[in-house]
């Protein structure tokens, strides 16, 4: 008899669930939404952001495409925990040397100019508006083949390691520029192998 009453009660309760009766409380099932952020956001013009200058590398190491860059968005500039956005301009004839990112996707967006992109085994000319998606562990390089600067934005997800890499690689514009010693640069490269690995010719 008790079993019959229990079964009737369960069946009756299941009929009332669609009407909002016998549902779990909000405390038991909290709403799942995006985490709250106290960051106010940013509106930046092209030259604005955290302007940085790359520290010179040892003479035996191939130079990066540009000596300066702008950190547009990261945890310290804008308060983002999900994105790193940088900006730089590559002079005619210069190139981002071949490299890969073992743990991260990257997106490059060509803002102005034209160049030649190498992604894995694919080589293709790019112009303003081009987007290059780079999966993890995929070699990429980009050469400016035009007569004026090639400007681009570069975007990474999960900026913790990426931000640390670029901030250690550079100093704030106007600060004293101290070149890397060979030993310091080797240790820097080793610390950040999870972020970036250059092709043998660039080491």
N, C-alpha and C. Protein backbone atom coordinates (compact mmCIF):
# COMPACT_ATOMS: atom_id res chain seq x y z
N UNK A 1 0.83 -1.21 0.00
CA UNK A 1 0.00 0.00 0.00
C UNK A 1 0.87 1.26 0.00
N UNK A 2 1.87 1.24 0.89
CA UNK A 2 2.76 2.41 0.93
C UNK A 2 3.46 2.62 -0.40
N UNK A 3 3.86 1.52 -1.06
CA UNK A 3 4.53 1.61 -2.36
C UNK A 3 3.60 2.22 -3.39
N UNK A 4 2.35 1.86 -3.37
CA UNK A 4 1.38 2.40 -4.32
C UNK A 4 1.20 3.90 -4.11
N UNK A 5 1.13 4.33 -2.85
CA UNK A 5 0.99 5.77 -2.55
C UNK A 5 2.21 6.53 -3.04
N UNK A 6 3.39 5.96 -2.80
CA UNK A 6 4.63 6.61 -3.23
C UNK A 6 4.68 6.76 -4.74
N UNK A 7 4.31 5.72 -5.46
CA UNK A 7 4.32 5.77 -6.92
C UNK A 7 3.33 6.81 -7.44
N UNK A 8 2.15 6.87 -6.80
CA UNK A 8 1.16 7.88 -7.22
C UNK A 8 1.67 9.29 -6.98
N UNK A 9 2.36 9.51 -5.87
CA UNK A 9 2.91 10.83 -5.55
C UNK A 9 3.98 11.24 -6.56
N UNK A 10 4.88 10.30 -6.89
CA UNK A 10 5.95 10.59 -7.86
C UNK A 10 5.36 10.91 -9.22
N UNK A 11 4.35 10.12 -9.64
CA UNK A 11 3.72 10.38 -10.93
C UNK A 11 3.03 11.72 -10.97
N UNK A 12 2.36 12.08 -9.87
CA UNK A 12 1.66 13.37 -9.80
C UNK A 12 2.66 14.53 -9.83
N UNK A 13 3.77 14.37 -9.11
CA UNK A 13 4.79 15.43 -9.07
C UNK A 13 5.41 15.64 -10.45
N UNK A 14 5.62 14.55 -11.20
CA UNK A 14 6.22 14.68 -12.53
C UNK A 14 5.31 15.44 -13.48
N UNK A 15 3.99 15.33 -13.27
CA UNK A 15 3.06 16.07 -14.11
C UNK A 15 3.10 17.58 -13.84
N UNK A 16 3.51 17.95 -12.61
CA UNK A 16 3.53 19.36 -12.23
C UNK A 16 4.85 20.05 -12.53
N UNK A 17 5.88 19.29 -12.85
CA UNK A 17 7.19 19.90 -13.13
C UNK A 17 7.15 20.93 -14.26
N UNK A 18 6.46 20.64 -15.40
CA UNK A 18 6.42 21.65 -16.47
C UNK A 18 5.79 22.96 -16.05
N UNK A 19 5.00 22.95 -14.98
CA UNK A 19 4.33 24.18 -14.54
C UNK A 19 5.13 24.92 -13.47
N UNK A 20 6.38 24.49 -13.23
CA UNK A 20 7.24 25.20 -12.30
C UNK A 20 7.08 24.77 -10.87
N UNK A 21 6.33 23.71 -10.60
CA UNK A 21 6.14 23.21 -9.24
C UNK A 21 7.07 22.02 -9.03
N UNK A 22 7.59 21.87 -7.82
CA UNK A 22 8.53 20.82 -7.48
C UNK A 22 9.82 20.92 -8.30
N UNK A 23 10.29 22.12 -8.57
CA UNK A 23 11.57 22.31 -9.25
C UNK A 23 12.60 22.70 -8.22
N UNK A 24 13.87 22.50 -8.55
CA UNK A 24 14.95 22.84 -7.63
C UNK A 24 15.02 24.34 -7.45
N UNK A 25 15.48 24.76 -6.30
CA UNK A 25 15.59 26.19 -6.02
C UNK A 25 16.78 26.77 -6.75
N UNK A 26 16.80 28.12 -6.85
CA UNK A 26 17.92 28.79 -7.50
C UNK A 26 19.22 28.52 -6.78
N UNK A 27 19.16 28.35 -5.46
CA UNK A 27 20.37 28.07 -4.69
C UNK A 27 20.96 26.72 -5.06
N UNK A 28 20.07 25.75 -5.41
CA UNK A 28 20.54 24.43 -5.77
C UNK A 28 21.06 24.39 -7.20
N UNK A 29 20.47 25.18 -8.08
CA UNK A 29 20.88 25.23 -9.49
C UNK A 29 21.13 26.67 -9.88
N UNK A 30 22.28 27.22 -9.54
CA UNK A 30 22.54 28.63 -9.86
C UNK A 30 22.57 28.86 -11.37
N UNK A 31 22.20 30.05 -11.79
CA UNK A 31 22.19 30.39 -13.21
C UNK A 31 23.61 30.34 -13.76
N UNK A 32 23.73 29.77 -14.96
CA UNK A 32 25.03 29.67 -15.60
C UNK A 32 25.15 30.77 -16.65
N UNK A 33 25.95 31.77 -16.37
CA UNK A 33 26.16 32.86 -17.31
C UNK A 33 27.62 33.23 -17.34
N UNK A 34 28.00 34.18 -18.17
CA UNK A 34 29.40 34.59 -18.23
C UNK A 34 29.82 35.23 -16.92
N UNK A 35 31.08 35.04 -16.52
CA UNK A 35 31.54 35.63 -15.28
C UNK A 35 31.50 37.15 -15.34
N UNK A 36 31.17 37.76 -14.23
CA UNK A 36 31.11 39.22 -14.19
C UNK A 36 32.51 39.80 -14.32
N UNK A 37 32.64 40.92 -15.00
CA UNK A 37 33.92 41.58 -15.17
C UNK A 37 33.81 43.03 -14.71
N UNK A 38 34.82 43.46 -13.98
CA UNK A 38 34.85 44.85 -13.53
C UNK A 38 35.61 45.74 -14.50
N UNK A 39 36.19 45.15 -15.57
CA UNK A 39 36.95 45.93 -16.54
C UNK A 39 36.01 46.84 -17.33
N UNK A 40 36.37 48.12 -17.49
CA UNK A 40 35.49 49.05 -18.20
C UNK A 40 35.56 48.91 -19.71
N UNK A 41 36.54 48.16 -20.24
CA UNK A 41 36.71 48.07 -21.69
C UNK A 41 37.60 49.18 -22.20
N UNK A 42 37.86 49.16 -23.50
CA UNK A 42 38.76 50.14 -24.11
C UNK A 42 38.22 50.58 -25.46
N UNK A 43 38.44 51.84 -25.79
CA UNK A 43 38.26 52.35 -27.15
C UNK A 43 39.59 52.98 -27.54
N UNK A 44 40.28 52.37 -28.50
CA UNK A 44 41.63 52.79 -28.84
C UNK A 44 41.74 53.18 -30.30
N UNK A 45 42.35 54.31 -30.56
CA UNK A 45 42.70 54.69 -31.93
C UNK A 45 43.95 53.89 -32.35
N UNK A 46 44.27 53.93 -33.63
CA UNK A 46 45.36 53.10 -34.16
C UNK A 46 46.68 53.25 -33.38
N UNK A 47 47.13 54.45 -33.01
CA UNK A 47 48.43 54.53 -32.32
C UNK A 47 48.34 54.33 -30.81
N UNK A 48 47.15 54.10 -30.27
CA UNK A 48 46.99 54.05 -28.82
C UNK A 48 47.13 52.64 -28.27
N UNK A 49 47.48 52.57 -27.00
CA UNK A 49 47.68 51.31 -26.31
C UNK A 49 48.95 51.39 -25.49
N UNK A 50 49.44 50.26 -25.04
CA UNK A 50 50.69 50.20 -24.28
C UNK A 50 51.83 50.08 -25.29
N UNK A 51 52.44 51.21 -25.61
CA UNK A 51 53.47 51.24 -26.65
C UNK A 51 54.78 50.70 -26.09
N UNK A 52 55.36 49.71 -26.80
CA UNK A 52 56.54 48.99 -26.30
C UNK A 52 57.64 49.00 -27.35
N UNK A 53 58.90 48.84 -26.90
CA UNK A 53 60.06 48.74 -27.78
C UNK A 53 60.79 47.45 -27.45
N UNK A 54 61.08 46.65 -28.46
CA UNK A 54 61.77 45.38 -28.25
C UNK A 54 63.22 45.60 -27.80
N UNK A 55 63.63 44.84 -26.82
CA UNK A 55 65.02 44.87 -26.39
C UNK A 55 65.88 44.22 -27.47
N UNK A 56 67.03 44.81 -27.81
CA UNK A 56 67.89 44.19 -28.84
C UNK A 56 68.32 42.78 -28.44
N UNK A 57 68.36 41.92 -29.45
CA UNK A 57 68.78 40.54 -29.25
C UNK A 57 70.27 40.43 -29.50
N UNK A 58 70.92 39.34 -29.06
CA UNK A 58 72.35 39.14 -29.36
C UNK A 58 72.59 39.13 -30.87
N UNK A 59 73.80 39.55 -31.26
CA UNK A 59 74.11 39.75 -32.68
C UNK A 59 73.93 38.53 -33.55
N UNK A 60 74.04 37.33 -32.99
CA UNK A 60 73.94 36.12 -33.81
C UNK A 60 72.50 35.71 -34.06
N UNK A 61 71.56 36.41 -33.46
CA UNK A 61 70.14 36.03 -33.58
C UNK A 61 69.44 36.91 -34.61
N UNK A 62 68.66 36.29 -35.48
CA UNK A 62 67.90 37.06 -36.47
C UNK A 62 66.96 38.03 -35.78
N UNK A 63 66.87 39.25 -36.31
CA UNK A 63 66.03 40.28 -35.70
C UNK A 63 64.55 40.04 -36.04
N UNK A 64 63.70 40.47 -35.14
CA UNK A 64 62.28 40.44 -35.44
C UNK A 64 61.96 41.47 -36.52
N UNK A 65 60.73 41.42 -37.01
CA UNK A 65 60.34 42.26 -38.13
C UNK A 65 60.35 43.74 -37.78
N UNK A 66 60.05 44.08 -36.55
CA UNK A 66 59.96 45.48 -36.14
C UNK A 66 60.61 45.65 -34.78
N UNK A 67 61.02 46.88 -34.48
CA UNK A 67 61.62 47.15 -33.18
C UNK A 67 60.58 47.57 -32.16
N UNK A 68 59.37 47.93 -32.62
CA UNK A 68 58.35 48.40 -31.69
C UNK A 68 57.03 47.68 -31.94
N UNK A 69 56.17 47.75 -30.94
CA UNK A 69 54.86 47.13 -31.02
C UNK A 69 53.94 47.84 -30.03
N UNK A 70 52.65 47.59 -30.15
CA UNK A 70 51.68 48.13 -29.21
C UNK A 70 50.87 46.96 -28.64
N UNK A 71 50.87 46.84 -27.32
CA UNK A 71 49.95 45.90 -26.68
C UNK A 71 48.61 46.62 -26.57
N UNK A 72 47.65 46.14 -27.31
CA UNK A 72 46.32 46.76 -27.31
C UNK A 72 45.47 46.28 -26.13
N UNK A 73 45.43 44.96 -25.96
CA UNK A 73 44.58 44.37 -24.92
C UNK A 73 45.31 43.19 -24.28
N UNK A 74 45.35 43.18 -22.97
CA UNK A 74 45.73 42.00 -22.20
C UNK A 74 45.21 42.20 -20.78
N UNK A 75 45.70 41.41 -19.85
CA UNK A 75 45.20 41.54 -18.47
C UNK A 75 45.55 42.89 -17.86
N UNK A 76 46.71 43.43 -18.21
CA UNK A 76 47.15 44.70 -17.62
C UNK A 76 46.66 45.90 -18.41
N UNK A 77 46.35 45.74 -19.66
CA UNK A 77 45.84 46.83 -20.49
C UNK A 77 44.44 46.45 -20.96
N UNK A 78 43.43 46.86 -20.21
CA UNK A 78 42.06 46.52 -20.55
C UNK A 78 41.44 45.50 -19.61
N UNK A 79 42.28 44.72 -18.92
CA UNK A 79 41.76 43.77 -17.94
C UNK A 79 41.17 42.50 -18.53
N UNK A 80 41.57 42.12 -19.76
CA UNK A 80 41.01 40.92 -20.36
C UNK A 80 41.73 39.67 -19.87
N UNK A 81 40.97 38.66 -19.47
CA UNK A 81 41.54 37.36 -19.12
C UNK A 81 41.39 36.36 -20.26
N UNK A 82 40.85 36.79 -21.38
CA UNK A 82 40.58 35.88 -22.50
C UNK A 82 41.30 36.22 -23.79
N UNK A 83 41.84 37.44 -23.92
CA UNK A 83 42.47 37.83 -25.18
C UNK A 83 43.78 38.58 -24.95
N UNK A 84 44.71 38.36 -25.87
CA UNK A 84 45.87 39.24 -26.04
C UNK A 84 45.78 39.78 -27.45
N UNK A 85 45.82 41.12 -27.60
CA UNK A 85 45.80 41.74 -28.93
C UNK A 85 46.98 42.69 -29.02
N UNK A 86 47.79 42.50 -30.05
CA UNK A 86 48.93 43.37 -30.31
C UNK A 86 48.86 43.97 -31.70
N UNK A 87 49.69 44.98 -31.92
CA UNK A 87 49.73 45.67 -33.22
C UNK A 87 51.18 46.00 -33.52
N UNK A 88 51.57 45.84 -34.79
CA UNK A 88 52.91 46.23 -35.20
C UNK A 88 52.94 46.55 -36.69
N UNK A 89 54.00 47.23 -37.10
CA UNK A 89 54.19 47.61 -38.49
C UNK A 89 55.53 47.07 -38.98
N UNK A 90 55.49 46.36 -40.10
CA UNK A 90 56.68 45.74 -40.67
C UNK A 90 57.16 46.59 -41.84
N UNK A 91 58.42 46.99 -41.82
CA UNK A 91 58.99 47.83 -42.87
C UNK A 91 59.14 47.03 -44.16
N UNK A 92 59.16 47.71 -45.32
CA UNK A 92 59.35 47.00 -46.60
C UNK A 92 60.61 46.13 -46.58
N UNK A 93 60.45 44.91 -47.06
CA UNK A 93 61.57 43.98 -47.11
C UNK A 93 61.77 43.18 -45.83
N UNK A 94 61.22 43.63 -44.71
CA UNK A 94 61.38 42.90 -43.45
C UNK A 94 60.33 41.80 -43.33
N UNK A 95 60.56 40.89 -42.40
CA UNK A 95 59.67 39.73 -42.26
C UNK A 95 59.58 39.28 -40.81
N UNK A 96 58.43 38.73 -40.45
CA UNK A 96 58.31 37.97 -39.21
C UNK A 96 58.94 36.61 -39.50
N UNK A 97 60.02 36.25 -38.79
CA UNK A 97 60.69 34.98 -39.11
C UNK A 97 59.81 33.78 -38.84
N UNK A 98 60.11 32.68 -39.51
CA UNK A 98 59.33 31.46 -39.37
C UNK A 98 59.36 30.98 -37.92
N UNK A 99 58.18 30.69 -37.38
CA UNK A 99 58.06 30.23 -36.00
C UNK A 99 56.73 29.50 -35.84
N UNK A 100 56.53 28.89 -34.68
CA UNK A 100 55.25 28.27 -34.38
C UNK A 100 54.95 28.44 -32.89
N UNK A 101 53.67 28.26 -32.56
CA UNK A 101 53.21 28.34 -31.18
C UNK A 101 52.69 26.96 -30.76
N UNK A 102 53.43 26.25 -29.90
CA UNK A 102 53.04 24.88 -29.57
C UNK A 102 51.68 24.75 -28.89
N UNK A 103 51.29 25.74 -28.08
CA UNK A 103 50.09 25.58 -27.25
C UNK A 103 48.95 26.53 -27.60
N UNK A 104 49.14 27.41 -28.56
CA UNK A 104 48.14 28.46 -28.79
C UNK A 104 47.78 28.59 -30.26
N UNK A 105 46.50 28.89 -30.51
CA UNK A 105 46.08 29.41 -31.81
C UNK A 105 46.55 30.87 -31.88
N UNK A 106 46.62 31.40 -33.09
CA UNK A 106 46.86 32.83 -33.28
C UNK A 106 46.10 33.28 -34.52
N UNK A 107 45.68 34.53 -34.52
CA UNK A 107 45.07 35.14 -35.70
C UNK A 107 45.86 36.40 -36.04
N UNK A 108 46.27 36.53 -37.29
CA UNK A 108 46.87 37.74 -37.81
C UNK A 108 45.86 38.42 -38.74
N UNK A 109 45.71 39.73 -38.60
CA UNK A 109 44.83 40.50 -39.49
C UNK A 109 45.65 41.61 -40.10
N UNK A 110 45.78 41.59 -41.42
CA UNK A 110 46.53 42.63 -42.13
C UNK A 110 45.68 43.89 -42.19
N UNK A 111 46.21 44.96 -41.64
CA UNK A 111 45.48 46.23 -41.60
C UNK A 111 45.78 47.07 -42.84
N UNK A 112 47.05 47.20 -43.17
CA UNK A 112 47.46 47.96 -44.37
C UNK A 112 48.69 47.30 -44.97
N UNK A 113 48.88 47.52 -46.27
CA UNK A 113 50.06 47.01 -46.96
C UNK A 113 49.81 45.66 -47.61
N UNK A 114 50.90 45.06 -48.07
CA UNK A 114 50.81 43.74 -48.70
C UNK A 114 52.05 42.93 -48.37
N UNK A 115 51.88 41.62 -48.43
CA UNK A 115 52.99 40.75 -48.07
C UNK A 115 52.82 39.36 -48.60
N UNK A 116 53.74 38.50 -48.20
CA UNK A 116 53.71 37.10 -48.58
C UNK A 116 53.70 36.27 -47.30
N UNK A 117 52.64 35.49 -47.12
CA UNK A 117 52.48 34.68 -45.92
C UNK A 117 52.81 33.23 -46.23
N UNK A 118 53.52 32.59 -45.30
CA UNK A 118 53.78 31.16 -45.37
C UNK A 118 53.13 30.53 -44.15
N UNK A 119 52.19 29.62 -44.38
CA UNK A 119 51.48 28.93 -43.30
C UNK A 119 51.56 27.44 -43.56
N UNK A 120 52.32 26.74 -42.73
CA UNK A 120 52.55 25.33 -43.00
C UNK A 120 53.27 25.20 -44.34
N UNK A 121 52.65 24.49 -45.29
CA UNK A 121 53.23 24.34 -46.63
C UNK A 121 52.59 25.28 -47.65
N UNK A 122 51.63 26.11 -47.20
CA UNK A 122 50.93 27.01 -48.12
C UNK A 122 51.57 28.40 -48.13
N UNK A 123 51.79 28.91 -49.33
CA UNK A 123 52.35 30.26 -49.48
C UNK A 123 51.35 31.10 -50.28
N UNK A 124 51.05 32.30 -49.78
CA UNK A 124 50.02 33.09 -50.44
C UNK A 124 50.25 34.57 -50.21
N UNK A 125 49.98 35.38 -51.25
CA UNK A 125 50.06 36.83 -51.12
C UNK A 125 48.88 37.33 -50.30
N UNK A 126 49.13 38.33 -49.46
CA UNK A 126 48.06 38.90 -48.63
C UNK A 126 48.06 40.41 -48.79
N UNK A 127 46.88 41.01 -48.64
CA UNK A 127 46.72 42.46 -48.72
C UNK A 127 45.83 42.91 -47.57
N UNK A 128 45.57 44.21 -47.50
CA UNK A 128 44.76 44.77 -46.42
C UNK A 128 43.44 44.03 -46.28
N UNK A 129 43.11 43.66 -45.07
CA UNK A 129 41.88 42.92 -44.80
C UNK A 129 42.06 41.42 -44.71
N UNK A 130 43.23 40.92 -45.10
CA UNK A 130 43.48 39.47 -45.04
C UNK A 130 43.55 39.00 -43.59
N UNK A 131 43.08 37.79 -43.36
CA UNK A 131 43.14 37.16 -42.05
C UNK A 131 43.89 35.85 -42.18
N UNK A 132 44.82 35.61 -41.28
CA UNK A 132 45.57 34.36 -41.26
C UNK A 132 45.28 33.67 -39.93
N UNK A 133 44.66 32.50 -39.99
CA UNK A 133 44.42 31.71 -38.77
C UNK A 133 45.52 30.67 -38.66
N UNK A 134 46.20 30.65 -37.51
CA UNK A 134 47.34 29.77 -37.30
C UNK A 134 47.00 28.77 -36.20
N UNK A 135 46.75 27.51 -36.53
CA UNK A 135 46.49 26.51 -35.48
C UNK A 135 47.76 26.26 -34.66
N UNK A 136 47.61 25.70 -33.46
CA UNK A 136 48.80 25.37 -32.67
C UNK A 136 49.76 24.48 -33.45
N UNK A 137 51.05 24.68 -33.20
CA UNK A 137 52.10 23.84 -33.77
C UNK A 137 52.18 23.92 -35.29
N UNK A 138 51.80 25.06 -35.86
CA UNK A 138 51.85 25.27 -37.31
C UNK A 138 52.81 26.42 -37.62
N UNK A 139 53.78 26.18 -38.49
CA UNK A 139 54.79 27.19 -38.79
C UNK A 139 54.19 28.32 -39.62
N UNK A 140 54.59 29.54 -39.29
CA UNK A 140 54.10 30.72 -40.00
C UNK A 140 55.23 31.73 -40.17
N UNK A 141 55.19 32.46 -41.27
CA UNK A 141 56.06 33.63 -41.45
C UNK A 141 55.31 34.61 -42.34
N UNK A 142 55.71 35.87 -42.27
CA UNK A 142 55.05 36.91 -43.07
C UNK A 142 56.08 37.95 -43.48
N UNK A 143 56.23 38.17 -44.80
CA UNK A 143 57.21 39.13 -45.32
C UNK A 143 56.48 40.28 -45.99
N UNK A 144 56.96 41.50 -45.74
CA UNK A 144 56.42 42.68 -46.41
C UNK A 144 57.02 42.76 -47.81
N UNK A 145 56.19 42.60 -48.82
CA UNK A 145 56.65 42.65 -50.21
C UNK A 145 56.28 43.96 -50.88
N UNK A 146 55.71 44.89 -50.13
CA UNK A 146 55.27 46.16 -50.70
C UNK A 146 56.30 47.26 -50.52
N UNK A 147 55.91 48.47 -50.89
CA UNK A 147 56.79 49.63 -50.82
C UNK A 147 56.50 50.51 -49.61
N UNK A 148 55.52 50.12 -48.80
CA UNK A 148 55.21 50.85 -47.56
C UNK A 148 55.01 49.85 -46.43
N UNK A 149 54.86 50.34 -45.23
CA UNK A 149 54.74 49.46 -44.06
C UNK A 149 53.54 48.52 -44.20
N UNK A 150 53.74 47.31 -43.72
CA UNK A 150 52.65 46.35 -43.60
C UNK A 150 52.26 46.35 -42.12
N UNK A 151 51.06 46.81 -41.82
CA UNK A 151 50.62 46.86 -40.43
C UNK A 151 49.64 45.72 -40.17
N UNK A 152 49.70 45.17 -38.98
CA UNK A 152 48.85 44.04 -38.67
C UNK A 152 48.52 43.97 -37.19
N UNK A 153 47.40 43.34 -36.90
CA UNK A 153 46.99 43.00 -35.55
C UNK A 153 47.24 41.51 -35.34
N UNK A 154 47.67 41.13 -34.14
CA UNK A 154 47.82 39.71 -33.82
C UNK A 154 47.09 39.42 -32.52
N UNK A 155 46.35 38.32 -32.52
CA UNK A 155 45.40 38.00 -31.45
C UNK A 155 45.65 36.59 -30.94
N UNK A 156 45.77 36.47 -29.62
CA UNK A 156 45.91 35.17 -28.96
C UNK A 156 44.79 35.00 -27.93
N UNK A 157 44.34 33.77 -27.71
CA UNK A 157 43.44 33.51 -26.58
C UNK A 157 44.26 33.27 -25.32
N UNK A 158 43.62 33.35 -24.15
CA UNK A 158 44.27 33.02 -22.89
C UNK A 158 45.64 33.69 -22.76
N UNK A 159 45.67 34.97 -22.42
CA UNK A 159 46.88 35.77 -22.59
C UNK A 159 47.98 35.62 -21.56
N UNK A 160 47.82 34.77 -20.53
CA UNK A 160 48.78 34.79 -19.43
C UNK A 160 50.23 34.65 -19.92
N UNK A 161 50.54 33.57 -20.61
CA UNK A 161 51.90 33.32 -21.04
C UNK A 161 52.31 34.28 -22.16
N UNK A 162 51.38 34.58 -23.06
CA UNK A 162 51.68 35.46 -24.19
C UNK A 162 52.05 36.86 -23.69
N UNK A 163 51.25 37.38 -22.77
CA UNK A 163 51.50 38.71 -22.23
C UNK A 163 52.85 38.76 -21.52
N UNK A 164 53.15 37.75 -20.74
CA UNK A 164 54.43 37.70 -20.03
C UNK A 164 55.59 37.70 -21.02
N UNK A 165 55.44 36.94 -22.12
CA UNK A 165 56.48 36.88 -23.14
C UNK A 165 56.75 38.25 -23.75
N UNK A 166 55.70 38.92 -24.22
CA UNK A 166 55.90 40.20 -24.90
C UNK A 166 56.35 41.30 -23.95
N UNK A 167 55.91 41.26 -22.71
CA UNK A 167 56.34 42.29 -21.77
C UNK A 167 57.79 42.08 -21.33
N UNK A 168 58.23 40.84 -21.28
CA UNK A 168 59.63 40.58 -20.95
C UNK A 168 60.54 40.87 -22.14
N UNK A 169 60.00 40.73 -23.34
CA UNK A 169 60.76 40.97 -24.57
C UNK A 169 60.97 42.46 -24.83
N UNK A 170 60.14 43.31 -24.23
CA UNK A 170 60.12 44.73 -24.55
C UNK A 170 60.24 45.59 -23.29
N UNK A 171 60.40 46.90 -23.52
CA UNK A 171 60.27 47.89 -22.44
C UNK A 171 59.25 48.92 -22.90
N UNK A 172 58.70 49.64 -21.95
CA UNK A 172 57.74 50.69 -22.28
C UNK A 172 58.44 51.77 -23.09
N UNK A 173 57.76 52.30 -24.08
CA UNK A 173 58.33 53.35 -24.93
C UNK A 173 58.83 54.51 -24.05
N UNK A 174 60.07 54.93 -24.26
CA UNK A 174 60.66 56.01 -23.47
C UNK A 174 61.53 55.53 -22.33
N UNK A 175 61.40 54.25 -21.93
CA UNK A 175 62.24 53.71 -20.88
C UNK A 175 63.61 53.31 -21.45
N UNK A 176 64.58 53.17 -20.56
CA UNK A 176 65.93 52.77 -20.96
C UNK A 176 65.90 51.39 -21.60
N UNK A 177 66.53 51.28 -22.75
CA UNK A 177 66.52 50.03 -23.52
C UNK A 177 67.79 49.25 -23.22
N UNK A 178 67.67 48.14 -22.52
CA UNK A 178 68.81 47.32 -22.15
C UNK A 178 68.84 46.07 -23.03
N UNK A 179 69.90 45.90 -23.85
CA UNK A 179 69.96 44.70 -24.71
C UNK A 179 70.04 43.42 -23.89
N UNK A 180 69.54 42.34 -24.46
CA UNK A 180 69.71 41.02 -23.86
C UNK A 180 71.18 40.61 -23.98
N UNK A 181 71.72 40.02 -22.93
CA UNK A 181 72.99 39.32 -23.07
C UNK A 181 72.69 37.96 -23.70
N UNK A 182 73.71 37.29 -24.22
CA UNK A 182 73.50 35.99 -24.85
C UNK A 182 72.91 34.99 -23.85
N UNK A 183 73.44 35.00 -22.61
CA UNK A 183 72.95 34.07 -21.59
C UNK A 183 71.50 34.39 -21.20
N UNK A 184 71.22 35.68 -21.04
CA UNK A 184 69.87 36.10 -20.65
C UNK A 184 68.86 35.75 -21.74
N UNK A 185 69.28 35.95 -23.01
CA UNK A 185 68.36 35.67 -24.11
C UNK A 185 68.09 34.18 -24.24
N UNK A 186 69.13 33.35 -24.04
CA UNK A 186 68.95 31.90 -24.11
C UNK A 186 67.98 31.44 -23.01
N UNK A 187 68.10 32.01 -21.82
CA UNK A 187 67.20 31.65 -20.73
C UNK A 187 65.78 32.13 -21.02
N UNK A 188 65.67 33.31 -21.61
CA UNK A 188 64.35 33.85 -22.00
C UNK A 188 63.67 32.94 -23.01
N UNK A 189 64.40 32.54 -24.04
CA UNK A 189 63.84 31.64 -25.05
C UNK A 189 63.39 30.31 -24.42
N UNK A 190 64.22 29.79 -23.52
CA UNK A 190 63.89 28.50 -22.90
C UNK A 190 62.63 28.61 -22.04
N UNK A 191 62.49 29.71 -21.32
CA UNK A 191 61.31 29.90 -20.47
C UNK A 191 60.02 29.96 -21.27
N UNK A 192 60.12 30.42 -22.51
CA UNK A 192 58.91 30.67 -23.29
C UNK A 192 58.74 29.71 -24.47
N UNK A 193 59.36 28.54 -24.38
CA UNK A 193 59.20 27.57 -25.46
C UNK A 193 57.77 27.07 -25.56
N UNK A 194 57.01 27.17 -24.49
CA UNK A 194 55.60 26.81 -24.56
C UNK A 194 54.78 27.79 -25.36
N UNK A 195 55.32 29.02 -25.53
CA UNK A 195 54.61 30.04 -26.30
C UNK A 195 55.09 30.10 -27.73
N UNK A 196 56.41 30.11 -27.93
CA UNK A 196 56.91 30.34 -29.29
C UNK A 196 58.22 29.59 -29.51
N UNK A 197 58.33 28.96 -30.69
CA UNK A 197 59.55 28.26 -31.09
C UNK A 197 59.89 28.72 -32.50
N UNK A 198 61.11 29.25 -32.66
CA UNK A 198 61.54 29.73 -33.97
C UNK A 198 62.18 28.61 -34.77
N UNK A 199 62.06 28.74 -36.10
CA UNK A 199 62.71 27.78 -36.98
C UNK A 199 64.22 27.86 -36.79
N UNK A 200 64.92 26.79 -37.16
CA UNK A 200 66.35 26.69 -36.90
C UNK A 200 67.12 27.89 -37.45
N UNK A 201 66.71 28.39 -38.63
CA UNK A 201 67.43 29.49 -39.26
C UNK A 201 67.29 30.78 -38.48
N UNK A 202 66.29 30.88 -37.58
CA UNK A 202 66.07 32.10 -36.83
C UNK A 202 66.67 32.05 -35.43
N UNK A 203 67.28 30.91 -35.07
CA UNK A 203 67.85 30.77 -33.74
C UNK A 203 69.30 31.20 -33.70
